[in-house]
């Protein structure tokens, strides 16, 4: 009986039927995860490229000062980004932020003020120039809008792109979405329409 058992065990050890299926069962999950991960990352890069192209094209329109056939210039900026989004990127007006500055050196600079107490920081009620016309002193003088001729405008678009699957949500993204952002800075061509002042 022991001899028969040993003979069967020897035959079983030499048996190779089904080895490929067992090996595939071990490799398939990793291969599937790698394939899905590659597709997911590729779609993210594709979406980011579309977003950057759309922002660049919308800034190209904005710097001319041209009026669109219908709607406002701000609405047309959104339409241009969506047209270049190829159905992958679909933004709304709330995704677009623009900041207008008099020149490139004023980007990110505070509104000018008179430092009456000499401490190097603005403190109310020190006098200041309200460049962005919001009634408050700001650490960034940029104002919303598309600017007038010769002004510098920063176009920024933030978009939460839905991921294809939720498999990589723990590694990247949140709630099935990944945050994309694109920004471009341009100087408007000289044109007469635009910001009327405060």
N, C-alpha and C. Protein backbone atom coordinates (compact mmCIF):
# COMPACT_ATOMS: atom_id res chain seq x y z
N UNK A 1 0.80 -1.17 0.00
CA UNK A 1 0.00 0.00 0.00
C UNK A 1 0.86 1.26 0.00
N UNK A 2 1.91 1.25 0.78
CA UNK A 2 2.82 2.39 0.82
C UNK A 2 3.53 2.52 -0.51
N UNK A 3 3.87 1.41 -1.12
CA UNK A 3 4.55 1.43 -2.41
C UNK A 3 3.63 2.05 -3.46
N UNK A 4 2.36 1.66 -3.47
CA UNK A 4 1.40 2.19 -4.43
C UNK A 4 1.23 3.70 -4.24
N UNK A 5 1.17 4.11 -2.99
CA UNK A 5 1.03 5.55 -2.70
C UNK A 5 2.24 6.34 -3.20
N UNK A 6 3.43 5.80 -2.99
CA UNK A 6 4.65 6.46 -3.47
C UNK A 6 4.70 6.53 -4.98
N UNK A 7 4.22 5.46 -5.67
CA UNK A 7 4.18 5.47 -7.13
C UNK A 7 3.23 6.56 -7.63
N UNK A 8 2.05 6.67 -7.01
CA UNK A 8 1.09 7.70 -7.42
C UNK A 8 1.64 9.11 -7.14
N UNK A 9 2.30 9.25 -6.03
CA UNK A 9 2.90 10.55 -5.70
C UNK A 9 3.99 10.91 -6.70
N UNK A 10 4.75 9.95 -7.15
CA UNK A 10 5.80 10.18 -8.16
C UNK A 10 5.19 10.61 -9.48
N UNK A 11 4.09 9.93 -9.89
CA UNK A 11 3.41 10.31 -11.13
C UNK A 11 2.84 11.73 -11.03
N UNK A 12 2.29 12.06 -9.86
CA UNK A 12 1.72 13.38 -9.66
C UNK A 12 2.78 14.48 -9.76
N UNK A 13 3.99 14.21 -9.24
CA UNK A 13 5.07 15.19 -9.30
C UNK A 13 5.53 15.42 -10.74
N UNK A 14 5.45 14.38 -11.59
CA UNK A 14 5.88 14.52 -12.98
C UNK A 14 4.77 15.11 -13.86
N UNK A 15 3.58 15.20 -13.38
CA UNK A 15 2.44 15.69 -14.15
C UNK A 15 2.59 17.19 -14.44
N UNK A 16 2.45 17.60 -15.69
CA UNK A 16 2.60 19.00 -16.09
C UNK A 16 1.30 19.59 -16.65
N UNK A 17 0.23 18.88 -16.72
CA UNK A 17 -1.03 19.41 -17.22
C UNK A 17 -1.55 20.49 -16.28
N UNK A 18 -1.96 21.64 -16.83
CA UNK A 18 -2.53 22.72 -16.03
C UNK A 18 -1.53 23.67 -15.41
N UNK A 19 -0.24 23.48 -15.65
CA UNK A 19 0.77 24.36 -15.06
C UNK A 19 0.62 25.78 -15.59
N UNK A 20 0.37 25.92 -16.88
CA UNK A 20 0.22 27.25 -17.48
C UNK A 20 -0.96 27.98 -16.87
N UNK A 21 -2.05 27.27 -16.62
CA UNK A 21 -3.24 27.91 -16.03
C UNK A 21 -2.94 28.38 -14.62
N UNK A 22 -2.21 27.59 -13.87
CA UNK A 22 -1.86 27.99 -12.50
C UNK A 22 -0.92 29.18 -12.51
N UNK A 23 0.07 29.16 -13.40
CA UNK A 23 0.99 30.31 -13.50
C UNK A 23 0.23 31.57 -13.91
N UNK A 24 -0.70 31.42 -14.86
CA UNK A 24 -1.48 32.58 -15.30
C UNK A 24 -2.34 33.11 -14.15
N UNK A 25 -2.88 32.24 -13.33
CA UNK A 25 -3.70 32.67 -12.19
C UNK A 25 -2.87 33.51 -11.21
N UNK A 26 -1.58 33.21 -11.08
CA UNK A 26 -0.72 34.01 -10.21
C UNK A 26 -0.36 35.36 -10.85
N UNK A 27 -0.15 35.36 -12.17
CA UNK A 27 0.33 36.55 -12.86
C UNK A 27 -0.81 37.48 -13.28
N UNK A 28 -2.00 36.94 -13.55
CA UNK A 28 -3.10 37.73 -14.11
C UNK A 28 -3.46 38.96 -13.28
N UNK A 29 -3.60 38.90 -11.96
CA UNK A 29 -3.96 40.12 -11.22
C UNK A 29 -2.92 41.23 -11.36
N UNK A 30 -1.66 40.88 -11.29
CA UNK A 30 -0.61 41.89 -11.44
C UNK A 30 -0.60 42.46 -12.86
N UNK A 31 -0.79 41.60 -13.84
CA UNK A 31 -0.83 42.06 -15.24
C UNK A 31 -2.03 42.96 -15.47
N UNK A 32 -3.18 42.60 -14.92
CA UNK A 32 -4.38 43.40 -15.06
C UNK A 32 -4.20 44.76 -14.38
N UNK A 33 -3.63 44.78 -13.20
CA UNK A 33 -3.39 46.04 -12.48
C UNK A 33 -2.42 46.93 -13.25
N UNK A 34 -1.38 46.33 -13.80
CA UNK A 34 -0.41 47.09 -14.58
C UNK A 34 -1.06 47.69 -15.84
N UNK A 35 -1.88 46.91 -16.51
CA UNK A 35 -2.56 47.38 -17.72
C UNK A 35 -3.52 48.52 -17.40
N UNK A 36 -4.34 48.33 -16.38
CA UNK A 36 -5.30 49.37 -16.00
C UNK A 36 -4.56 50.61 -15.51
N UNK A 37 -3.51 50.43 -14.74
CA UNK A 37 -2.72 51.57 -14.27
C UNK A 37 -2.10 52.36 -15.41
N UNK A 38 -1.60 51.65 -16.42
CA UNK A 38 -1.02 52.32 -17.58
C UNK A 38 -2.07 53.12 -18.33
N UNK A 39 -3.26 52.52 -18.50
CA UNK A 39 -4.34 53.23 -19.19
C UNK A 39 -4.80 54.44 -18.37
N UNK A 40 -4.89 54.29 -17.07
CA UNK A 40 -5.34 55.38 -16.20
C UNK A 40 -4.36 56.54 -16.24
N UNK A 41 -3.07 56.26 -16.11
CA UNK A 41 -2.06 57.31 -16.14
C UNK A 41 -2.00 57.96 -17.53
N UNK A 42 -2.17 57.17 -18.57
CA UNK A 42 -2.19 57.73 -19.93
C UNK A 42 -3.35 58.69 -20.11
N UNK A 43 -4.52 58.34 -19.58
CA UNK A 43 -5.68 59.23 -19.69
C UNK A 43 -5.46 60.52 -18.90
N UNK A 44 -4.78 60.42 -17.76
CA UNK A 44 -4.49 61.62 -16.97
C UNK A 44 -3.55 62.54 -17.75
N UNK A 45 -2.50 61.98 -18.35
CA UNK A 45 -1.58 62.79 -19.16
C UNK A 45 -2.30 63.38 -20.37
N UNK A 46 -3.18 62.59 -20.99
CA UNK A 46 -3.94 63.07 -22.14
C UNK A 46 -4.86 64.22 -21.72
N UNK A 47 -5.57 64.05 -20.61
CA UNK A 47 -6.45 65.10 -20.11
C UNK A 47 -5.68 66.36 -19.77
N UNK A 48 -4.51 66.21 -19.15
CA UNK A 48 -3.69 67.37 -18.80
C UNK A 48 -3.21 68.09 -20.05
N UNK A 49 -2.84 67.35 -21.07
CA UNK A 49 -2.40 67.96 -22.33
C UNK A 49 -3.54 68.72 -22.99
N UNK A 50 -4.74 68.12 -22.99
CA UNK A 50 -5.91 68.80 -23.55
C UNK A 50 -6.23 70.08 -22.78
N UNK A 51 -6.14 70.01 -21.45
CA UNK A 51 -6.42 71.18 -20.62
C UNK A 51 -5.42 72.29 -20.90
N UNK A 52 -4.13 71.95 -20.96
CA UNK A 52 -3.12 72.96 -21.24
C UNK A 52 -3.32 73.59 -22.62
N UNK A 53 -3.65 72.76 -23.61
CA UNK A 53 -3.89 73.29 -24.95
C UNK A 53 -5.11 74.20 -24.99
N UNK A 54 -6.16 73.82 -24.27
CA UNK A 54 -7.36 74.64 -24.22
C UNK A 54 -7.12 75.98 -23.55
N UNK A 55 -6.35 75.97 -22.46
CA UNK A 55 -6.04 77.22 -21.76
C UNK A 55 -5.18 78.12 -22.65
N UNK A 56 -4.23 77.52 -23.35
CA UNK A 56 -3.37 78.30 -24.25
C UNK A 56 -4.21 78.95 -25.36
N UNK A 57 -5.14 78.17 -25.94
CA UNK A 57 -5.98 78.71 -27.02
C UNK A 57 -6.94 79.78 -26.50
N UNK A 58 -7.47 79.60 -25.30
CA UNK A 58 -8.38 80.60 -24.75
C UNK A 58 -7.62 81.90 -24.45
N UNK A 59 -6.38 81.78 -23.98
CA UNK A 59 -5.57 82.98 -23.74
C UNK A 59 -5.24 83.68 -25.06
N UNK A 60 -5.07 82.90 -26.11
CA UNK A 60 -4.83 83.48 -27.44
C UNK A 60 -6.01 84.33 -27.88
N UNK A 61 -7.22 83.82 -27.60
CA UNK A 61 -8.41 84.60 -27.92
C UNK A 61 -8.48 85.84 -27.02
N UNK A 62 -8.27 85.65 -25.71
CA UNK A 62 -8.42 86.74 -24.76
C UNK A 62 -7.48 87.90 -24.98
N UNK A 63 -6.27 87.62 -25.41
CA UNK A 63 -5.29 88.71 -25.56
C UNK A 63 -5.59 89.62 -26.73
N UNK A 64 -6.46 89.21 -27.64
CA UNK A 64 -6.79 90.06 -28.78
C UNK A 64 -7.81 91.13 -28.44
N UNK A 65 -8.60 90.90 -27.38
CA UNK A 65 -9.65 91.85 -27.03
C UNK A 65 -10.88 91.71 -27.90
N UNK A 66 -10.90 90.71 -28.78
CA UNK A 66 -12.03 90.51 -29.68
C UNK A 66 -13.28 90.11 -28.91
N UNK A 67 -14.43 90.49 -29.44
CA UNK A 67 -15.70 90.08 -28.86
C UNK A 67 -16.20 88.85 -29.61
N UNK A 68 -16.68 87.84 -28.88
CA UNK A 68 -17.20 86.64 -29.54
C UNK A 68 -18.53 86.93 -30.22
N UNK A 69 -18.95 86.05 -31.15
CA UNK A 69 -20.22 86.27 -31.84
C UNK A 69 -21.42 86.32 -30.87
N UNK A 70 -21.37 85.51 -29.81
CA UNK A 70 -22.43 85.50 -28.82
C UNK A 70 -21.82 85.41 -27.43
N UNK A 71 -22.50 85.95 -26.44
CA UNK A 71 -22.04 85.86 -25.06
C UNK A 71 -20.90 86.82 -24.74
N UNK A 72 -20.34 86.62 -23.56
CA UNK A 72 -19.25 87.48 -23.10
C UNK A 72 -17.90 86.86 -23.45
N UNK A 73 -16.85 87.65 -23.29
CA UNK A 73 -15.50 87.13 -23.53
C UNK A 73 -15.18 86.02 -22.54
N UNK A 74 -15.62 86.17 -21.28
CA UNK A 74 -15.36 85.16 -20.26
C UNK A 74 -16.04 83.83 -20.61
N UNK A 75 -17.29 83.91 -21.12
CA UNK A 75 -18.00 82.69 -21.54
C UNK A 75 -17.28 82.03 -22.71
N UNK A 76 -16.75 82.85 -23.61
CA UNK A 76 -16.06 82.29 -24.77
C UNK A 76 -14.77 81.58 -24.37
N UNK A 77 -14.10 82.07 -23.33
CA UNK A 77 -12.90 81.40 -22.82
C UNK A 77 -13.26 79.97 -22.40
N UNK A 78 -14.36 79.81 -21.68
CA UNK A 78 -14.81 78.49 -21.25
C UNK A 78 -15.14 77.62 -22.46
N UNK A 79 -15.81 78.20 -23.45
CA UNK A 79 -16.17 77.45 -24.66
C UNK A 79 -14.93 76.97 -25.41
N UNK A 80 -13.90 77.81 -25.47
CA UNK A 80 -12.67 77.44 -26.18
C UNK A 80 -11.98 76.27 -25.48
N UNK A 81 -11.90 76.32 -24.15
CA UNK A 81 -11.28 75.21 -23.41
C UNK A 81 -12.06 73.92 -23.64
N UNK A 82 -13.39 73.99 -23.58
CA UNK A 82 -14.21 72.79 -23.79
C UNK A 82 -14.10 72.27 -25.22
N UNK A 83 -13.98 73.17 -26.19
CA UNK A 83 -13.83 72.74 -27.59
C UNK A 83 -12.53 71.98 -27.79
N UNK A 84 -11.50 72.36 -27.06
CA UNK A 84 -10.21 71.66 -27.16
C UNK A 84 -10.13 70.47 -26.22
N UNK A 85 -11.17 70.25 -25.42
CA UNK A 85 -11.17 69.16 -24.45
C UNK A 85 -11.51 67.81 -25.02
N UNK A 86 -11.94 67.74 -26.26
CA UNK A 86 -12.22 66.48 -26.97
C UNK A 86 -13.17 65.57 -26.19
N UNK A 87 -14.07 66.17 -25.41
CA UNK A 87 -15.01 65.38 -24.63
C UNK A 87 -14.44 64.81 -23.34
N UNK A 88 -13.14 64.91 -23.18
CA UNK A 88 -12.48 64.42 -21.96
C UNK A 88 -12.51 65.50 -20.89
N UNK A 89 -12.31 66.75 -21.30
CA UNK A 89 -12.32 67.89 -20.41
C UNK A 89 -13.61 68.66 -20.66
N UNK A 90 -14.36 68.90 -19.60
CA UNK A 90 -15.61 69.66 -19.70
C UNK A 90 -15.71 70.57 -18.48
N UNK A 91 -15.25 71.82 -18.65
CA UNK A 91 -15.18 72.74 -17.52
C UNK A 91 -16.41 73.64 -17.48
N UNK A 92 -16.56 74.32 -16.36
CA UNK A 92 -17.57 75.35 -16.19
C UNK A 92 -16.86 76.66 -15.87
N UNK A 93 -17.62 77.74 -15.86
CA UNK A 93 -17.01 79.06 -15.58
C UNK A 93 -16.34 79.09 -14.21
N UNK A 94 -16.86 78.32 -13.27
CA UNK A 94 -16.28 78.32 -11.92
C UNK A 94 -14.89 77.67 -11.88
N UNK A 95 -14.51 76.92 -12.93
CA UNK A 95 -13.19 76.30 -12.99
C UNK A 95 -12.11 77.26 -13.48
N UNK A 96 -12.52 78.41 -14.02
CA UNK A 96 -11.58 79.36 -14.62
C UNK A 96 -11.35 80.53 -13.68
N UNK A 97 -10.08 80.85 -13.48
CA UNK A 97 -9.69 82.02 -12.70
C UNK A 97 -8.76 82.87 -13.55
N UNK A 98 -9.02 84.16 -13.57
CA UNK A 98 -8.11 85.07 -14.27
C UNK A 98 -7.70 86.18 -13.31
N UNK A 99 -6.45 86.60 -13.44
CA UNK A 99 -5.95 87.73 -12.66
C UNK A 99 -5.26 88.69 -13.61
N UNK A 100 -5.61 89.95 -13.47
CA UNK A 100 -5.09 91.00 -14.36
C UNK A 100 -4.12 91.87 -13.57
N UNK A 101 -2.97 92.16 -14.21
CA UNK A 101 -1.93 93.00 -13.60
C UNK A 101 -1.52 94.07 -14.60
N UNK A 102 -1.03 95.21 -14.11
CA UNK A 102 -0.58 96.26 -15.03
C UNK A 102 0.61 95.84 -15.89
N UNK A 103 1.53 95.03 -15.31
CA UNK A 103 2.71 94.59 -16.04
C UNK A 103 3.23 93.29 -15.40
N UNK A 104 4.25 92.72 -15.99
CA UNK A 104 4.79 91.44 -15.49
C UNK A 104 5.42 91.58 -14.10
N UNK A 105 6.05 92.70 -13.81
CA UNK A 105 6.72 92.84 -12.52
C UNK A 105 5.73 92.98 -11.36
N UNK A 106 4.49 93.30 -11.64
CA UNK A 106 3.51 93.45 -10.56
C UNK A 106 2.80 92.14 -10.21
N UNK A 107 3.10 91.06 -10.90
CA UNK A 107 2.45 89.77 -10.62
C UNK A 107 2.79 89.33 -9.20
N UNK A 108 1.76 89.07 -8.42
CA UNK A 108 1.94 88.59 -7.05
C UNK A 108 2.34 89.66 -6.05
N UNK A 109 2.45 90.89 -6.50
CA UNK A 109 2.86 91.98 -5.60
C UNK A 109 1.64 92.51 -4.84
N UNK A 110 1.88 93.05 -3.63
CA UNK A 110 0.77 93.63 -2.87
C UNK A 110 0.36 94.98 -3.45
N UNK A 111 -0.85 95.40 -3.09
CA UNK A 111 -1.28 96.73 -3.50
C UNK A 111 -0.40 97.76 -2.78
N UNK A 112 0.01 98.83 -3.49
CA UNK A 112 0.88 99.83 -2.88
C UNK A 112 0.18 100.55 -1.71
N UNK A 113 0.94 100.80 -0.65
CA UNK A 113 0.40 101.49 0.51
C UNK A 113 1.47 102.39 1.11
N UNK A 114 1.03 103.30 1.95
CA UNK A 114 1.94 104.18 2.66
C UNK A 114 2.16 103.61 4.05
N UNK A 115 3.41 103.28 4.36
CA UNK A 115 3.74 102.66 5.65
C UNK A 115 3.94 103.75 6.69
N UNK A 116 2.82 104.23 7.26
CA UNK A 116 2.87 105.35 8.21
C UNK A 116 3.65 105.02 9.47
N UNK A 117 3.54 103.82 9.99
CA UNK A 117 4.22 103.49 11.24
C UNK A 117 5.61 102.88 11.02
N UNK A 118 6.01 102.65 9.78
CA UNK A 118 7.36 102.19 9.47
C UNK A 118 7.68 100.75 9.86
N UNK A 119 6.68 99.89 10.05
CA UNK A 119 6.96 98.51 10.44
C UNK A 119 7.10 97.56 9.26
N UNK A 120 6.92 98.04 8.05
CA UNK A 120 7.13 97.22 6.86
C UNK A 120 5.95 96.35 6.47
N UNK A 121 4.84 96.45 7.18
CA UNK A 121 3.63 95.71 6.82
C UNK A 121 2.44 96.65 6.83
N UNK A 122 1.43 96.29 6.03
CA UNK A 122 0.22 97.11 5.98
C UNK A 122 -0.62 96.86 7.22
N UNK A 123 -1.07 97.94 7.83
CA UNK A 123 -2.00 97.86 8.94
C UNK A 123 -3.07 98.92 8.73
N UNK A 124 -4.32 98.52 8.86
CA UNK A 124 -5.42 99.46 8.71
C UNK A 124 -5.30 100.52 9.79
N UNK A 125 -5.50 101.75 9.54
CA UNK A 125 -6.07 102.44 8.39
C UNK A 125 -5.04 103.12 7.50
N UNK A 126 -3.86 102.53 7.31
CA UNK A 126 -2.85 103.14 6.44
C UNK A 126 -3.42 103.29 5.03
N UNK A 127 -3.11 104.40 4.38
CA UNK A 127 -3.65 104.62 3.03
C UNK A 127 -3.01 103.67 2.01
N UNK A 128 -3.82 103.23 1.06
CA UNK A 128 -3.34 102.31 0.02
C UNK A 128 -4.05 102.62 -1.30
N UNK A 129 -3.50 102.11 -2.38
CA UNK A 129 -4.13 102.25 -3.69
C UNK A 129 -4.86 100.95 -3.99
N UNK A 130 -6.16 101.04 -4.16
CA UNK A 130 -7.00 99.85 -4.38
C UNK A 130 -6.98 99.49 -5.86
N UNK A 131 -5.93 98.80 -6.30
CA UNK A 131 -5.75 98.49 -7.71
C UNK A 131 -6.81 97.51 -8.21
N UNK A 132 -7.18 96.52 -7.39
CA UNK A 132 -8.17 95.54 -7.85
C UNK A 132 -9.61 95.94 -7.52
N UNK A 133 -9.80 97.11 -6.95
CA UNK A 133 -11.12 97.71 -6.75
C UNK A 133 -12.08 96.87 -5.92
N UNK A 134 -11.57 96.17 -4.90
CA UNK A 134 -12.47 95.38 -4.07
C UNK A 134 -12.74 96.03 -2.72
N UNK A 135 -12.20 97.23 -2.48
CA UNK A 135 -12.46 97.94 -1.24
C UNK A 135 -11.59 97.53 -0.07
N UNK A 136 -10.66 96.59 -0.29
CA UNK A 136 -9.76 96.12 0.76
C UNK A 136 -8.32 96.14 0.25
N UNK A 137 -7.37 96.27 1.19
CA UNK A 137 -5.99 96.11 0.81
C UNK A 137 -5.71 94.63 0.65
N UNK A 138 -4.99 94.24 -0.41
CA UNK A 138 -4.70 92.83 -0.68
C UNK A 138 -3.22 92.60 -0.87
N UNK A 139 -2.76 91.41 -0.47
CA UNK A 139 -1.37 91.03 -0.67
C UNK A 139 -1.07 90.71 -2.13
N UNK A 140 -2.11 90.51 -2.94
CA UNK A 140 -1.96 90.30 -4.38
C UNK A 140 -2.87 91.28 -5.09
N UNK A 141 -2.27 92.18 -5.88
CA UNK A 141 -3.05 93.25 -6.51
C UNK A 141 -3.84 92.79 -7.73
N UNK A 142 -3.72 91.54 -8.13
CA UNK A 142 -4.43 91.06 -9.31
C UNK A 142 -5.94 91.17 -9.15
N UNK A 143 -6.59 91.54 -10.25
CA UNK A 143 -8.05 91.65 -10.24
C UNK A 143 -8.63 90.65 -11.25
N UNK A 144 -9.86 90.31 -11.07
CA UNK A 144 -10.52 89.37 -11.97
C UNK A 144 -10.83 90.04 -13.30
N UNK A 145 -10.97 89.25 -14.34
CA UNK A 145 -11.32 89.77 -15.67
C UNK A 145 -10.29 89.37 -16.70
N UNK A 146 -10.50 89.86 -17.92
CA UNK A 146 -9.58 89.56 -19.01
C UNK A 146 -8.70 90.74 -19.37
N UNK A 147 -8.84 91.84 -18.64
CA UNK A 147 -7.95 92.97 -18.80
C UNK A 147 -8.22 93.81 -20.02
N UNK A 148 -7.51 94.92 -20.08
CA UNK A 148 -7.59 95.80 -21.23
C UNK A 148 -6.27 95.75 -21.98
N UNK A 149 -6.15 96.56 -23.01
CA UNK A 149 -4.98 96.52 -23.86
C UNK A 149 -3.68 96.76 -23.11
N UNK A 150 -2.69 95.92 -23.36
CA UNK A 150 -1.37 96.05 -22.77
C UNK A 150 -1.23 95.47 -21.38
N UNK A 151 -2.31 95.05 -20.74
CA UNK A 151 -2.22 94.48 -19.40
C UNK A 151 -1.83 93.00 -19.47
N UNK A 152 -1.33 92.49 -18.35
CA UNK A 152 -0.90 91.10 -18.24
C UNK A 152 -2.01 90.31 -17.56
N UNK A 153 -2.36 89.15 -18.14
CA UNK A 153 -3.43 88.32 -17.60
C UNK A 153 -2.91 86.91 -17.37
N UNK A 154 -3.20 86.38 -16.18
CA UNK A 154 -2.90 84.98 -15.88
C UNK A 154 -4.20 84.20 -15.95
N UNK A 155 -4.25 83.23 -16.87
CA UNK A 155 -5.40 82.33 -17.00
C UNK A 155 -5.06 81.04 -16.26
N UNK A 156 -5.93 80.63 -15.35
CA UNK A 156 -5.73 79.39 -14.62
C UNK A 156 -7.02 78.59 -14.66
N UNK A 157 -6.90 77.31 -14.99
CA UNK A 157 -8.06 76.41 -15.00
C UNK A 157 -7.75 75.23 -14.10
N UNK A 158 -8.65 74.96 -13.16
CA UNK A 158 -8.57 73.79 -12.30
C UNK A 158 -9.73 72.87 -12.66
N UNK A 159 -9.44 71.59 -12.80
CA UNK A 159 -10.48 70.64 -13.23
C UNK A 159 -10.27 69.31 -12.52
N UNK A 160 -11.34 68.78 -11.94
CA UNK A 160 -11.30 67.45 -11.33
C UNK A 160 -11.76 66.44 -12.36
N UNK A 161 -10.80 65.74 -12.96
CA UNK A 161 -11.09 64.78 -14.02
C UNK A 161 -11.48 63.43 -13.43
N UNK A 162 -12.63 62.88 -13.85
CA UNK A 162 -13.01 61.56 -13.34
C UNK A 162 -12.03 60.50 -13.85
N UNK A 163 -11.68 59.56 -12.97
CA UNK A 163 -10.79 58.48 -13.37
C UNK A 163 -11.62 57.38 -14.02
N UNK A 164 -10.99 56.59 -14.87
CA UNK A 164 -11.71 55.53 -15.58
C UNK A 164 -12.21 54.46 -14.63
N UNK A 165 -11.40 54.09 -13.67
CA UNK A 165 -11.77 53.07 -12.70
C UNK A 165 -11.43 53.58 -11.31
N UNK A 166 -11.89 52.91 -10.30
CA UNK A 166 -11.54 53.30 -8.95
C UNK A 166 -10.41 52.47 -8.38
N UNK A 167 -9.77 51.66 -9.23
CA UNK A 167 -8.72 50.76 -8.73
C UNK A 167 -7.52 51.49 -8.16
N UNK A 168 -7.18 52.62 -8.72
CA UNK A 168 -5.98 53.33 -8.27
C UNK A 168 -6.32 54.54 -7.40
N UNK A 169 -7.56 54.59 -6.93
CA UNK A 169 -7.99 55.74 -6.13
C UNK A 169 -7.18 55.89 -4.86
N UNK A 170 -6.73 54.79 -4.27
CA UNK A 170 -5.94 54.89 -3.04
C UNK A 170 -4.52 55.37 -3.32
N UNK A 171 -4.04 55.22 -4.55
CA UNK A 171 -2.69 55.66 -4.90
C UNK A 171 -2.66 57.09 -5.42
N UNK A 172 -3.68 57.46 -6.19
CA UNK A 172 -3.74 58.81 -6.75
C UNK A 172 -5.20 59.19 -6.91
N UNK A 173 -5.47 60.44 -6.79
CA UNK A 173 -6.84 60.90 -6.91
C UNK A 173 -7.58 60.82 -5.60
N UNK A 174 -8.81 61.30 -5.65
CA UNK A 174 -9.64 61.29 -4.46
C UNK A 174 -11.09 61.25 -4.92
N UNK A 175 -11.85 60.34 -4.33
CA UNK A 175 -13.26 60.16 -4.68
C UNK A 175 -13.44 59.90 -6.17
N UNK A 176 -12.53 59.14 -6.76
CA UNK A 176 -12.65 58.79 -8.17
C UNK A 176 -12.27 59.89 -9.14
N UNK A 177 -11.63 60.95 -8.65
CA UNK A 177 -11.23 62.06 -9.52
C UNK A 177 -9.79 62.44 -9.23
N UNK A 178 -9.15 63.02 -10.24
CA UNK A 178 -7.79 63.53 -10.07
C UNK A 178 -7.80 65.01 -10.45
N UNK A 179 -7.15 65.83 -9.65
CA UNK A 179 -7.15 67.28 -9.88
C UNK A 179 -6.07 67.65 -10.90
N UNK A 180 -6.52 68.34 -11.94
CA UNK A 180 -5.61 68.84 -12.97
C UNK A 180 -5.65 70.36 -12.94
N UNK A 181 -4.55 70.99 -13.29
CA UNK A 181 -4.49 72.45 -13.34
C UNK A 181 -3.58 72.87 -14.49
N UNK A 182 -3.95 73.94 -15.14
CA UNK A 182 -3.13 74.50 -16.20
C UNK A 182 -3.19 76.02 -16.09
N UNK A 183 -2.09 76.67 -16.41
CA UNK A 183 -2.03 78.12 -16.29
C UNK A 183 -1.15 78.69 -17.40
N UNK A 184 -1.51 79.86 -17.87
CA UNK A 184 -0.70 80.55 -18.87
C UNK A 184 -0.78 82.05 -18.59
N UNK A 185 0.33 82.74 -18.82
CA UNK A 185 0.39 84.19 -18.61
C UNK A 185 0.67 84.86 -19.94
N UNK A 186 -0.14 85.88 -20.27
CA UNK A 186 0.01 86.59 -21.54
C UNK A 186 -0.11 88.10 -21.32
N UNK A 187 0.47 88.85 -22.24
CA UNK A 187 0.24 90.30 -22.26
C UNK A 187 -0.75 90.58 -23.38
N UNK A 188 -1.81 91.30 -23.05
CA UNK A 188 -2.82 91.64 -24.05
C UNK A 188 -2.24 92.54 -25.14
N UNK A 189 -2.76 92.36 -26.33
CA UNK A 189 -2.41 93.27 -27.41
C UNK A 189 -2.98 94.65 -27.09
N UNK A 190 -2.45 95.70 -27.70
CA UNK A 190 -3.02 97.03 -27.43
C UNK A 190 -4.40 97.15 -28.07
N UNK A 191 -5.41 97.30 -27.24
CA UNK A 191 -6.77 97.56 -27.74
C UNK A 191 -7.46 98.49 -26.75
N UNK A 192 -8.52 99.15 -27.19
CA UNK A 192 -9.12 100.21 -26.41
C UNK A 192 -10.18 99.75 -25.42
N UNK A 193 -10.83 98.62 -25.66
CA UNK A 193 -11.89 98.21 -24.75
C UNK A 193 -11.31 97.50 -23.55
N UNK A 194 -12.10 97.26 -22.53
CA UNK A 194 -11.64 96.50 -21.39
C UNK A 194 -11.99 97.15 -20.08
N UNK A 195 -11.06 97.13 -19.18
CA UNK A 195 -11.29 97.53 -17.80
C UNK A 195 -11.51 99.04 -17.71
N UNK A 196 -12.69 99.45 -17.23
CA UNK A 196 -12.97 100.89 -17.17
C UNK A 196 -12.36 101.58 -15.96
N UNK A 197 -11.84 100.86 -15.00
CA UNK A 197 -11.33 101.44 -13.77
C UNK A 197 -12.34 101.28 -12.65
N UNK A 198 -11.98 101.71 -11.45
CA UNK A 198 -12.87 101.55 -10.28
C UNK A 198 -14.04 102.50 -10.36
